[in-house]
């Protein structure tokens, strides 16, 4: 039998202050898919996911050389190779 929900635990009975974080001033209007507080590693991990997808796209679709991709994303060529290797493993 499910436990009864306390009336004072419902969201409509709480005063919510939308303070945001250092990345975006309002949580409810944040452009991120997931909250930086919900992801281990925070905002760095969320930004790296978008960067990694762009690197994979540039390598596969645009056929750009590794050094050009590295320069565009301000990372080392080794980082680009690592990202592409992880992507290759995920496909296999």
Protein backbone atom coordinates (compact mmCIF):
# COMPACT_ATOMS: atom_id res chain seq x y z
CA UNK A 1 0.00 0.00 0.00
CA UNK A 2 1.50 3.37 -1.01
CA UNK A 3 2.26 5.78 1.78
CA UNK A 4 0.08 8.90 1.89
CA UNK A 5 1.67 12.12 0.63
CA UNK A 6 1.93 14.87 3.16
CA UNK A 7 0.17 18.02 2.01
CA UNK A 8 3.04 20.26 3.11
CA UNK A 9 5.48 18.24 0.96
CA UNK A 10 3.79 19.16 -2.31
CA UNK A 11 5.62 21.69 -4.50
CA UNK A 12 2.70 24.08 -4.67
CA UNK A 13 3.01 24.65 -0.90
CA UNK A 14 6.66 25.73 -1.06
CA UNK A 15 8.12 29.09 -1.91
CA UNK A 16 10.69 28.45 -4.68
CA UNK A 17 13.33 31.07 -5.33
CA UNK A 18 14.89 30.66 -8.77
CA UNK A 19 18.48 31.71 -8.02
CA UNK A 20 20.24 29.81 -10.77
CA UNK A 21 23.97 29.19 -10.61
CA UNK A 22 27.19 30.76 -11.83
CA UNK A 23 26.48 29.42 -15.32
CA UNK A 24 22.95 30.78 -15.81
CA UNK A 25 21.02 33.18 -13.55
CA UNK A 26 17.66 31.35 -13.69
CA UNK A 27 17.23 27.57 -13.37
CA UNK A 28 13.84 27.52 -15.06
CA UNK A 29 15.23 29.22 -18.19
CA UNK A 30 18.59 27.41 -18.31
CA UNK A 31 19.64 26.18 -21.79
CA UNK A 32 21.31 23.01 -20.47
CA UNK A 33 19.53 19.68 -20.93
CA UNK A 34 20.43 18.64 -17.39
CA UNK A 35 21.24 20.66 -14.29
CA UNK A 36 24.95 21.03 -13.61
CA UNK A 37 24.29 19.93 -10.01
CA UNK A 38 22.75 16.64 -11.21
CA UNK A 39 25.83 15.57 -13.18
CA UNK A 40 29.03 14.29 -11.59
CA UNK A 41 31.72 16.71 -12.70
CA UNK A 42 29.25 19.55 -13.15
CA UNK A 43 29.33 22.10 -15.95
CA UNK A 44 32.70 20.88 -17.29
CA UNK A 45 31.24 17.48 -18.14
CA UNK A 46 28.16 19.02 -19.78
CA UNK A 47 30.28 21.34 -21.92
CA UNK A 48 32.65 18.52 -22.87
CA UNK A 49 29.76 16.38 -24.14
CA UNK A 50 28.75 19.11 -26.58
CA UNK A 51 32.38 19.69 -27.58
CA UNK A 52 32.96 15.97 -28.12
CA UNK A 53 29.89 15.65 -30.34
CA UNK A 54 31.08 18.60 -32.43
CA UNK A 55 34.54 17.04 -32.77
CA UNK A 56 33.09 13.70 -33.87
CA UNK A 57 30.83 15.47 -36.37
CA UNK A 58 33.67 17.53 -37.83
CA UNK A 59 35.84 14.46 -38.22
CA UNK A 60 33.19 12.16 -39.72
CA UNK A 61 31.11 14.51 -41.87
CA UNK A 62 33.46 17.34 -42.75
CA UNK A 63 36.62 15.18 -42.92
CA UNK A 64 38.70 17.88 -41.26
CA UNK A 65 42.29 17.05 -40.27
CA UNK A 66 42.95 16.33 -36.60
CA UNK A 67 45.16 19.40 -36.09
CA UNK A 68 42.45 21.70 -37.50
CA UNK A 69 39.80 20.20 -35.21
CA UNK A 70 42.16 20.52 -32.23
CA UNK A 71 42.84 24.17 -33.03
CA UNK A 72 39.12 24.99 -33.43
CA UNK A 73 38.23 23.51 -30.03
CA UNK A 74 41.38 24.65 -28.22
CA UNK A 75 42.44 21.12 -27.28
CA UNK A 76 45.48 19.02 -28.12
CA UNK A 77 45.50 16.60 -31.07
CA UNK A 78 45.83 13.79 -28.52
CA UNK A 79 42.53 14.85 -26.93
CA UNK A 80 40.87 14.70 -30.35
CA UNK A 81 42.27 11.20 -30.90
CA UNK A 82 40.98 10.12 -27.47
CA UNK A 83 37.49 11.46 -28.18
CA UNK A 84 37.38 9.71 -31.55
CA UNK A 85 38.64 6.47 -30.00
CA UNK A 86 35.91 6.50 -27.33
CA UNK A 87 33.31 7.17 -30.04
CA UNK A 88 34.66 4.29 -32.12
CA UNK A 89 34.42 1.92 -29.13
CA UNK A 90 30.83 3.01 -28.49
CA UNK A 91 29.85 2.13 -32.07
CA UNK A 92 31.56 -1.27 -32.03
